[in-house]
Amino acid sequence: MTADERARQCPDCGTRARRSKGRRVTRPRDLSVGGRRPRLVWAKRRWRCDELACRRRSSTESVPPVPPRKRLTT
C-alpha cells in the first residue's frame, strides 16, 4: 500500500477518490538492492471515480516510479 495521496487521484479528471473498489495484487520488478532483486508484492487499491462528468469509473493506485499498467519501475 502507499501513503502517497496522488495514488488515489483519477488519472483522467484528477478527482480524489473517496470509495475503494477492492484490491489488485501486482509484482513490480526491475528493482535492484545490493545487486539482488527483492520480491516486491504491491496490493494496490482500486478506486471509484465519483465525478459524474468523468468517463472513467475506476482506476488502480499508481505512483511515478510504477506507472499504471506497467510492471517495470522507472
C-alpha atoms as a PDB file:
ATOM      1  CA  MET A   1       0.000   0.000   0.000  1.00  0.00           C
ATOM      2  CA  THR A   2       1.095   3.588  -0.433  1.00  0.00           C
ATOM      3  CA  ALA A   3       0.551   6.678   1.661  1.00  0.00           C
ATOM      4  CA  ASP A   4       1.055   8.919  -1.396  1.00  0.00           C
ATOM      5  CA  GLU A   5      -2.220  10.845  -1.792  1.00  0.00           C
ATOM      6  CA  ARG A   6      -1.626  11.252  -5.542  1.00  0.00           C
ATOM      7  CA  ALA A   7      -2.180   7.497  -5.902  1.00  0.00           C
ATOM      8  CA  ARG A   8      -5.915   7.987  -5.223  1.00  0.00           C
ATOM      9  CA  GLN A   9      -6.488  10.589  -7.934  1.00  0.00           C
ATOM     10  CA  CYS A  10      -8.399   9.693 -11.072  1.00  0.00           C
ATOM     11  CA  PRO A  11      -5.896   9.717 -13.961  1.00  0.00           C
ATOM     12  CA  ASP A  12      -8.459  11.334 -16.289  1.00  0.00           C
ATOM     13  CA  CYS A  13     -10.115  14.085 -14.249  1.00  0.00           C
ATOM     14  CA  GLY A  14      -7.807  14.394 -11.202  1.00  0.00           C
ATOM     15  CA  THR A  15     -10.632  13.985  -8.669  1.00  0.00           C
ATOM     16  CA  ARG A  16      -9.536  12.459  -5.366  1.00  0.00           C
ATOM     17  CA  ALA A  17     -11.297   9.115  -4.923  1.00  0.00           C
ATOM     18  CA  ARG A  18     -13.193   8.503  -1.701  1.00  0.00           C
ATOM     19  CA  ARG A  19     -14.525   4.970  -2.218  1.00  0.00           C
ATOM     20  CA  SER A  20     -12.478   1.817  -2.634  1.00  0.00           C
ATOM     21  CA  LYS A  21     -13.482  -0.892  -5.081  1.00  0.00           C
ATOM     22  CA  GLY A  22     -11.225  -3.613  -3.646  1.00  0.00           C
ATOM     23  CA  ARG A  23      -7.593  -4.564  -4.202  1.00  0.00           C
ATOM     24  CA  ARG A  24      -5.460  -5.938  -7.002  1.00  0.00           C
ATOM     25  CA  VAL A  25      -2.064  -7.557  -6.453  1.00  0.00           C
ATOM     26  CA  THR A  26       0.846  -6.650  -8.715  1.00  0.00           C
ATOM     27  CA  ARG A  27       4.513  -7.604  -8.574  1.00  0.00           C
ATOM     28  CA  PRO A  28       6.694  -4.744  -9.837  1.00  0.00           C
ATOM     29  CA  ARG A  29      10.165  -5.795 -10.972  1.00  0.00           C
ATOM     30  CA  ASP A  30      13.414  -4.284 -12.181  1.00  0.00           C
ATOM     31  CA  LEU A  31      14.329  -3.311  -8.638  1.00  0.00           C
ATOM     32  CA  SER A  32      17.858  -3.957  -7.511  1.00  0.00           C
ATOM     33  CA  VAL A  33      19.141  -3.760  -3.945  1.00  0.00           C
ATOM     34  CA  GLY A  34      22.722  -4.741  -3.274  1.00  0.00           C
ATOM     35  CA  GLY A  35      22.976  -6.469  -6.641  1.00  0.00           C
ATOM     36  CA  ARG A  36      19.981  -8.698  -5.876  1.00  0.00           C
ATOM     37  CA  ARG A  37      16.349  -8.397  -6.897  1.00  0.00           C
ATOM     38  CA  PRO A  38      13.988  -8.465  -3.949  1.00  0.00           C
ATOM     39  CA  ARG A  39      10.492  -9.876  -4.290  1.00  0.00           C
ATOM     40  CA  LEU A  40       8.060  -6.971  -4.114  1.00  0.00           C
ATOM     41  CA  VAL A  41       4.303  -7.508  -3.861  1.00  0.00           C
ATOM     42  CA  TRP A  42       2.003  -4.470  -4.009  1.00  0.00           C
ATOM     43  CA  ALA A  43      -1.655  -4.875  -3.028  1.00  0.00           C
ATOM     44  CA  LYS A  44      -2.947  -1.857  -4.954  1.00  0.00           C
ATOM     45  CA  ARG A  45      -6.322  -0.422  -4.144  1.00  0.00           C
ATOM     46  CA  ARG A  46      -8.882   0.073  -6.872  1.00  0.00           C
ATOM     47  CA  TRP A  47     -10.700   3.384  -6.571  1.00  0.00           C
ATOM     48  CA  ARG A  48     -14.082   4.545  -7.854  1.00  0.00           C
ATOM     49  CA  CYS A  49     -14.269   7.898  -9.607  1.00  0.00           C
ATOM     50  CA  ASP A  50     -17.415   9.689  -8.415  1.00  0.00           C
ATOM     51  CA  GLU A  51     -17.120  12.640 -10.816  1.00  0.00           C
ATOM     52  CA  LEU A  52     -20.240  12.465 -12.992  1.00  0.00           C
ATOM     53  CA  ALA A  53     -18.566  14.180 -15.954  1.00  0.00           C
ATOM     54  CA  CYS A  54     -15.671  11.668 -15.972  1.00  0.00           C
ATOM     55  CA  ARG A  55     -15.883   8.672 -18.293  1.00  0.00           C
ATOM     56  CA  ARG A  56     -13.536   6.571 -16.166  1.00  0.00           C
ATOM     57  CA  ARG A  57     -15.411   4.679 -13.492  1.00  0.00           C
ATOM     58  CA  SER A  58     -12.419   3.174 -11.660  1.00  0.00           C
ATOM     59  CA  SER A  59      -8.631   3.092 -11.556  1.00  0.00           C
ATOM     60  CA  THR A  60      -5.892   1.436  -9.530  1.00  0.00           C
ATOM     61  CA  GLU A  61      -3.316   3.182  -7.370  1.00  0.00           C
ATOM     62  CA  SER A  62      -0.190   4.302  -9.151  1.00  0.00           C
ATOM     63  CA  VAL A  63       2.889   6.293  -8.218  1.00  0.00           C
ATOM     64  CA  PRO A  64       5.528   7.837 -10.529  1.00  0.00           C
ATOM     65  CA  PRO A  65       8.089   5.004 -10.047  1.00  0.00           C
ATOM     66  CA  VAL A  66       5.445   2.397 -11.029  1.00  0.00           C
ATOM     67  CA  PRO A  67       3.141   3.881 -13.705  1.00  0.00           C
ATOM     68  CA  PRO A  68      -0.325   2.419 -14.390  1.00  0.00           C
ATOM     69  CA  ARG A  69      -0.420  -0.850 -16.362  1.00  0.00           C
ATOM     70  CA  LYS A  70       3.367  -1.231 -16.038  1.00  0.00           C
ATOM     71  CA  ARG A  71       5.365  -3.793 -14.100  1.00  0.00           C
ATOM     72  CA  LEU A  72       8.810  -2.268 -14.574  1.00  0.00           C
ATOM     73  CA  THR A  73       9.899   0.523 -12.278  1.00  0.00           C
ATOM     74  CA  THR A  74      11.447   3.710 -13.607  1.00  0.00           C
END
